[in-house]
Amino acid sequence: MQRQRHNRYEKARILGARALQVSHGAPVLIETDQSEPILIAAEEYDAGVLPFTVDRGEA
């Protein structure tokens, strides 16, 4: 599976959405020492474990 490349706006949206999920009690998908939801989301993004996809509407 090829990892999808995101531009900075898509990445910001993904990180924000995931941080909100974590702050509301969603399970963390990686082992981390971080406690801030945004930092946890960033580590998950960098590890490539987030199940988010971006539909750009391209055919």
PDB file of N, CA and C in Angstrom:
ATOM      1  N   MET A   1       0.845  -1.185   0.000  1.00  0.00           N
ATOM      2  CA  MET A   1       0.000   0.000   0.000  1.00  0.00           C
ATOM      3  C   MET A   1       0.885   1.240   0.000  1.00  0.00           C
ATOM      4  N   GLN A   2       0.614   2.133  -0.910  1.00  0.00           N
ATOM      5  CA  GLN A   2       1.387   3.373  -1.011  1.00  0.00           C
ATOM      6  C   GLN A   2       0.782   4.420  -0.080  1.00  0.00           C
ATOM      7  N   ARG A   3       1.651   5.088   0.663  1.00  0.00           N
ATOM      8  CA  ARG A   3       1.189   6.126   1.576  1.00  0.00           C
ATOM      9  C   ARG A   3       0.779   7.360   0.801  1.00  0.00           C
ATOM     10  N   GLN A   4      -0.395   7.885   1.111  1.00  0.00           N
ATOM     11  CA  GLN A   4      -0.896   9.066   0.418  1.00  0.00           C
ATOM     12  C   GLN A   4      -0.144  10.301   0.899  1.00  0.00           C
ATOM     13  N   ARG A   5       0.219  11.172  -0.044  1.00  0.00           N
ATOM     14  CA  ARG A   5       0.893  12.420   0.290  1.00  0.00           C
ATOM     15  C   ARG A   5      -0.178  13.492   0.526  1.00  0.00           C
ATOM     16  N   HIS A   6      -0.025  14.238   1.587  1.00  0.00           N
ATOM     17  CA  HIS A   6      -0.987  15.291   1.914  1.00  0.00           C
ATOM     18  C   HIS A   6      -0.307  16.647   1.857  1.00  0.00           C
ATOM     19  N   ASN A   7      -1.057  17.647   1.401  1.00  0.00           N
ATOM     20  CA  ASN A   7      -0.514  18.998   1.471  1.00  0.00           C
ATOM     21  C   ASN A   7      -0.700  19.519   2.901  1.00  0.00           C
ATOM     22  N   ARG A   8      -0.198  20.697   3.183  1.00  0.00           N
ATOM     23  CA  ARG A   8      -0.200  21.176   4.580  1.00  0.00           C
ATOM     24  C   ARG A   8      -1.601  21.413   5.125  1.00  0.00           C
ATOM     25  N   TYR A   9      -2.554  21.747   4.267  1.00  0.00           N
ATOM     26  CA  TYR A   9      -3.925  21.979   4.712  1.00  0.00           C
ATOM     27  C   TYR A   9      -4.613  20.661   5.056  1.00  0.00           C
ATOM     28  N   GLU A  10      -4.376  19.658   4.225  1.00  0.00           N
ATOM     29  CA  GLU A  10      -4.934  18.337   4.501  1.00  0.00           C
ATOM     30  C   GLU A  10      -4.337  17.760   5.777  1.00  0.00           C
ATOM     31  N   LYS A  11      -3.032  17.927   5.937  1.00  0.00           N
ATOM     32  CA  LYS A  11      -2.370  17.415   7.135  1.00  0.00           C
ATOM     33  C   LYS A  11      -2.917  18.101   8.384  1.00  0.00           C
ATOM     34  N   ALA A  12      -3.103  19.415   8.318  1.00  0.00           N
ATOM     35  CA  ALA A  12      -3.638  20.153   9.465  1.00  0.00           C
ATOM     36  C   ALA A  12      -5.042  19.672   9.813  1.00  0.00           C
ATOM     37  N   ARG A  13      -5.848  19.411   8.805  1.00  0.00           N
ATOM     38  CA  ARG A  13      -7.225  18.940   9.034  1.00  0.00           C
ATOM     39  C   ARG A  13      -7.222  17.550   9.649  1.00  0.00           C
ATOM     40  N   ILE A  14      -6.360  16.677   9.144  1.00  0.00           N
ATOM     41  CA  ILE A  14      -6.258  15.318   9.669  1.00  0.00           C
ATOM     42  C   ILE A  14      -5.779  15.341  11.118  1.00  0.00           C
ATOM     43  N   LEU A  15      -4.737  16.114  11.395  1.00  0.00           N
ATOM     44  CA  LEU A  15      -4.211  16.188  12.762  1.00  0.00           C
ATOM     45  C   LEU A  15      -5.241  16.767  13.716  1.00  0.00           C
ATOM     46  N   GLY A  16      -5.950  17.793  13.278  1.00  0.00           N
ATOM     47  CA  GLY A  16      -6.979  18.388  14.130  1.00  0.00           C
ATOM     48  C   GLY A  16      -8.104  17.424  14.442  1.00  0.00           C
ATOM     49  N   ALA A  17      -8.556  16.704  13.423  1.00  0.00           N
ATOM     50  CA  ALA A  17      -9.637  15.741  13.623  1.00  0.00           C
ATOM     51  C   ALA A  17      -9.195  14.612  14.559  1.00  0.00           C
ATOM     52  N   ARG A  18      -7.979  14.130  14.356  1.00  0.00           N
ATOM     53  CA  ARG A  18      -7.484  13.044  15.199  1.00  0.00           C
ATOM     54  C   ARG A  18      -7.238  13.508  16.630  1.00  0.00           C
ATOM     55  N   ALA A  19      -6.719  14.718  16.804  1.00  0.00           N
ATOM     56  CA  ALA A  19      -6.503  15.257  18.154  1.00  0.00           C
ATOM     57  C   ALA A  19      -7.832  15.387  18.896  1.00  0.00           C
ATOM     58  N   LEU A  20      -8.875  15.790  18.194  1.00  0.00           N
ATOM     59  CA  LEU A  20     -10.197  15.890  18.805  1.00  0.00           C
ATOM     60  C   LEU A  20     -10.686  14.511  19.244  1.00  0.00           C
ATOM     61  N   GLN A  21     -10.482  13.509  18.401  1.00  0.00           N
ATOM     62  CA  GLN A  21     -10.871  12.143  18.759  1.00  0.00           C
ATOM     63  C   GLN A  21     -10.132  11.684  20.019  1.00  0.00           C
ATOM     64  N   VAL A  22      -8.824  11.911  20.052  1.00  0.00           N
ATOM     65  CA  VAL A  22      -8.024  11.494  21.208  1.00  0.00           C
ATOM     66  C   VAL A  22      -8.473  12.229  22.467  1.00  0.00           C
ATOM     67  N   SER A  23      -8.759  13.528  22.339  1.00  0.00           N
ATOM     68  CA  SER A  23      -9.174  14.302  23.513  1.00  0.00           C
ATOM     69  C   SER A  23     -10.529  13.844  24.052  1.00  0.00           C
ATOM     70  N   HIS A  24     -11.318  13.197  23.210  1.00  0.00           N
ATOM     71  CA  HIS A  24     -12.620  12.669  23.631  1.00  0.00           C
ATOM     72  C   HIS A  24     -12.553  11.203  24.018  1.00  0.00           C
ATOM     73  N   GLY A  25     -11.345  10.662  24.150  1.00  0.00           N
ATOM     74  CA  GLY A  25     -11.180   9.326  24.697  1.00  0.00           C
ATOM     75  C   GLY A  25     -10.936   8.211  23.700  1.00  0.00           C
ATOM     76  N   ALA A  26     -10.703   8.526  22.440  1.00  0.00           N
ATOM     77  CA  ALA A  26     -10.402   7.474  21.462  1.00  0.00           C
ATOM     78  C   ALA A  26      -9.096   6.794  21.826  1.00  0.00           C
ATOM     79  N   PRO A  27      -8.981   5.501  21.548  1.00  0.00           N
ATOM     80  CA  PRO A  27      -7.732   4.809  21.876  1.00  0.00           C
ATOM     81  C   PRO A  27      -6.570   5.327  21.033  1.00  0.00           C
ATOM     82  N   VAL A  28      -5.404   5.429  21.667  1.00  0.00           N
ATOM     83  CA  VAL A  28      -4.192   5.869  20.983  1.00  0.00           C
ATOM     84  C   VAL A  28      -3.624   4.678  20.224  1.00  0.00           C
ATOM     85  N   LEU A  29      -3.211   4.884  18.980  1.00  0.00           N
ATOM     86  CA  LEU A  29      -2.820   3.796  18.094  1.00  0.00           C
ATOM     87  C   LEU A  29      -1.340   3.434  18.154  1.00  0.00           C
ATOM     88  N   ILE A  30      -0.559   4.182  18.937  1.00  0.00           N
ATOM     89  CA  ILE A  30       0.876   3.919  19.059  1.00  0.00           C
ATOM     90  C   ILE A  30       1.289   4.017  20.520  1.00  0.00           C
ATOM     91  N   GLU A  31       2.466   3.512  20.812  1.00  0.00           N
ATOM     92  CA  GLU A  31       3.066   3.704  22.134  1.00  0.00           C
ATOM     93  C   GLU A  31       3.732   5.072  22.140  1.00  0.00           C
ATOM     94  N   THR A  32       3.376   5.910  23.116  1.00  0.00           N
ATOM     95  CA  THR A  32       3.949   7.254  23.183  1.00  0.00           C
ATOM     96  C   THR A  32       4.008   7.732  24.623  1.00  0.00           C
ATOM     97  N   ASP A  33       4.924   8.654  24.863  1.00  0.00           N
ATOM     98  CA  ASP A  33       5.034   9.286  26.178  1.00  0.00           C
ATOM     99  C   ASP A  33       4.294  10.622  26.200  1.00  0.00           C
ATOM    100  N   GLN A  34       3.755  11.036  25.068  1.00  0.00           N
ATOM    101  CA  GLN A  34       3.073  12.330  24.958  1.00  0.00           C
ATOM    102  C   GLN A  34       1.746  12.298  25.710  1.00  0.00           C
ATOM    103  N   SER A  35       1.318  13.475  26.187  1.00  0.00           N
ATOM    104  CA  SER A  35       0.020  13.569  26.848  1.00  0.00           C
ATOM    105  C   SER A  35      -0.910  14.551  26.134  1.00  0.00           C
ATOM    106  N   GLU A  36      -0.353  15.423  25.305  1.00  0.00           N
ATOM    107  CA  GLU A  36      -1.164  16.380  24.551  1.00  0.00           C
ATOM    108  C   GLU A  36      -1.755  15.699  23.311  1.00  0.00           C
ATOM    109  N   PRO A  37      -3.065  15.802  23.110  1.00  0.00           N
ATOM    110  CA  PRO A  37      -3.694  15.140  21.957  1.00  0.00           C
ATOM    111  C   PRO A  37      -3.092  15.520  20.605  1.00  0.00           C
ATOM    112  N   ILE A  38      -2.715  16.770  20.409  1.00  0.00           N
ATOM    113  CA  ILE A  38      -2.163  17.173  19.113  1.00  0.00           C
ATOM    114  C   ILE A  38      -0.798  16.530  18.877  1.00  0.00           C
ATOM    115  N   LEU A  39      -0.009  16.371  19.930  1.00  0.00           N
ATOM    116  CA  LEU A  39       1.297  15.729  19.800  1.00  0.00           C
ATOM    117  C   LEU A  39       1.152  14.227  19.555  1.00  0.00           C
ATOM    118  N   ILE A  40       0.151  13.626  20.185  1.00  0.00           N
ATOM    119  CA  ILE A  40      -0.143  12.215  19.942  1.00  0.00           C
ATOM    120  C   ILE A  40      -0.564  12.032  18.487  1.00  0.00           C
ATOM    121  N   ALA A  41      -1.454  12.913  18.007  1.00  0.00           N
ATOM    122  CA  ALA A  41      -1.921  12.837  16.618  1.00  0.00           C
ATOM    123  C   ALA A  41      -0.759  12.994  15.644  1.00  0.00           C
ATOM    124  N   ALA A  42       0.161  13.900  15.941  1.00  0.00           N
ATOM    125  CA  ALA A  42       1.313  14.111  15.065  1.00  0.00           C
ATOM    126  C   ALA A  42       2.203  12.876  15.020  1.00  0.00           C
ATOM    127  N   GLU A  43       2.410  12.235  16.156  1.00  0.00           N
ATOM    128  CA  GLU A  43       3.217  11.014  16.182  1.00  0.00           C
ATOM    129  C   GLU A  43       2.528   9.895  15.410  1.00  0.00           C
ATOM    130  N   GLU A  44       1.209   9.787  15.563  1.00  0.00           N
ATOM    131  CA  GLU A  44       0.465   8.772  14.823  1.00  0.00           C
ATOM    132  C   GLU A  44       0.553   9.033  13.320  1.00  0.00           C
ATOM    133  N   TYR A  45       0.444  10.283  12.931  1.00  0.00           N
ATOM    134  CA  TYR A  45       0.542  10.658  11.510  1.00  0.00           C
ATOM    135  C   TYR A  45       1.915  10.277  10.959  1.00  0.00           C
ATOM    136  N   ASP A  46       2.958  10.636  11.698  1.00  0.00           N
ATOM    137  CA  ASP A  46       4.324  10.328  11.262  1.00  0.00           C
ATOM    138  C   ASP A  46       4.576   8.821  11.177  1.00  0.00           C
ATOM    139  N   ALA A  47       3.905   8.060  12.055  1.00  0.00           N
ATOM    140  CA  ALA A  47       4.058   6.603  12.044  1.00  0.00           C
ATOM    141  C   ALA A  47       3.240   5.962  10.920  1.00  0.00           C
ATOM    142  N   GLY A  48       2.340   6.723  10.314  1.00  0.00           N
ATOM    143  CA  GLY A  48       1.541   6.200   9.211  1.00  0.00           C
ATOM    144  C   GLY A  48       0.422   5.269   9.630  1.00  0.00           C
ATOM    145  N   VAL A  49      -0.073   5.419  10.856  1.00  0.00           N
ATOM    146  CA  VAL A  49      -1.097   4.499  11.349  1.00  0.00           C
ATOM    147  C   VAL A  49      -2.508   5.063  11.315  1.00  0.00           C
ATOM    148  N   LEU A  50      -2.666   6.300  10.884  1.00  0.00           N
ATOM    149  CA  LEU A  50      -4.002   6.892  10.867  1.00  0.00           C
ATOM    150  C   LEU A  50      -4.802   6.401   9.656  1.00  0.00           C
ATOM    151  N   PRO A  51      -6.040   5.998   9.893  1.00  0.00           N
ATOM    152  CA  PRO A  51      -6.857   5.462   8.796  1.00  0.00           C
ATOM    153  C   PRO A  51      -7.635   6.539   8.028  1.00  0.00           C
ATOM    154  N   PHE A  52      -7.070   7.713   7.894  1.00  0.00           N
ATOM    155  CA  PHE A  52      -7.724   8.802   7.165  1.00  0.00           C
ATOM    156  C   PHE A  52      -7.320   8.758   5.694  1.00  0.00           C
ATOM    157  N   THR A  53      -8.274   9.041   4.835  1.00  0.00           N
ATOM    158  CA  THR A  53      -7.980   9.224   3.413  1.00  0.00           C
ATOM    159  C   THR A  53      -8.564  10.561   2.991  1.00  0.00           C
ATOM    160  N   VAL A  54      -7.993  11.135   1.959  1.00  0.00           N
ATOM    161  CA  VAL A  54      -8.452  12.425   1.458  1.00  0.00           C
ATOM    162  C   VAL A  54      -8.980  12.214   0.058  1.00  0.00           C
ATOM    163  N   ASP A  55     -10.237  12.607  -0.154  1.00  0.00           N
ATOM    164  CA  ASP A  55     -10.847  12.529  -1.485  1.00  0.00           C
ATOM    165  C   ASP A  55     -10.787  13.920  -2.082  1.00  0.00           C
ATOM    166  N   ARG A  56      -9.936  14.088  -3.066  1.00  0.00           N
ATOM    167  CA  ARG A  56      -9.742  15.395  -3.684  1.00  0.00           C
ATOM    168  C   ARG A  56     -10.721  15.621  -4.841  1.00  0.00           C
ATOM    169  N   GLY A  57     -11.559  14.643  -5.117  1.00  0.00           N
ATOM    170  CA  GLY A  57     -12.524  14.786  -6.186  1.00  0.00           C
ATOM    171  C   GLY A  57     -11.931  14.637  -7.574  1.00  0.00           C
ATOM    172  N   GLU A  58     -10.717  14.115  -7.663  1.00  0.00           N
ATOM    173  CA  GLU A  58     -10.061  13.926  -8.950  1.00  0.00           C
ATOM    174  C   GLU A  58     -10.479  12.586  -9.535  1.00  0.00           C
ATOM    175  N   ALA A  59     -10.641  12.562 -10.821  1.00  0.00           N
ATOM    176  CA  ALA A  59     -11.074  11.318 -11.482  1.00  0.00           C
ATOM    177  C   ALA A  59      -9.916  10.430 -11.837  1.00  0.00           C
TER     178      ALA A  59
END
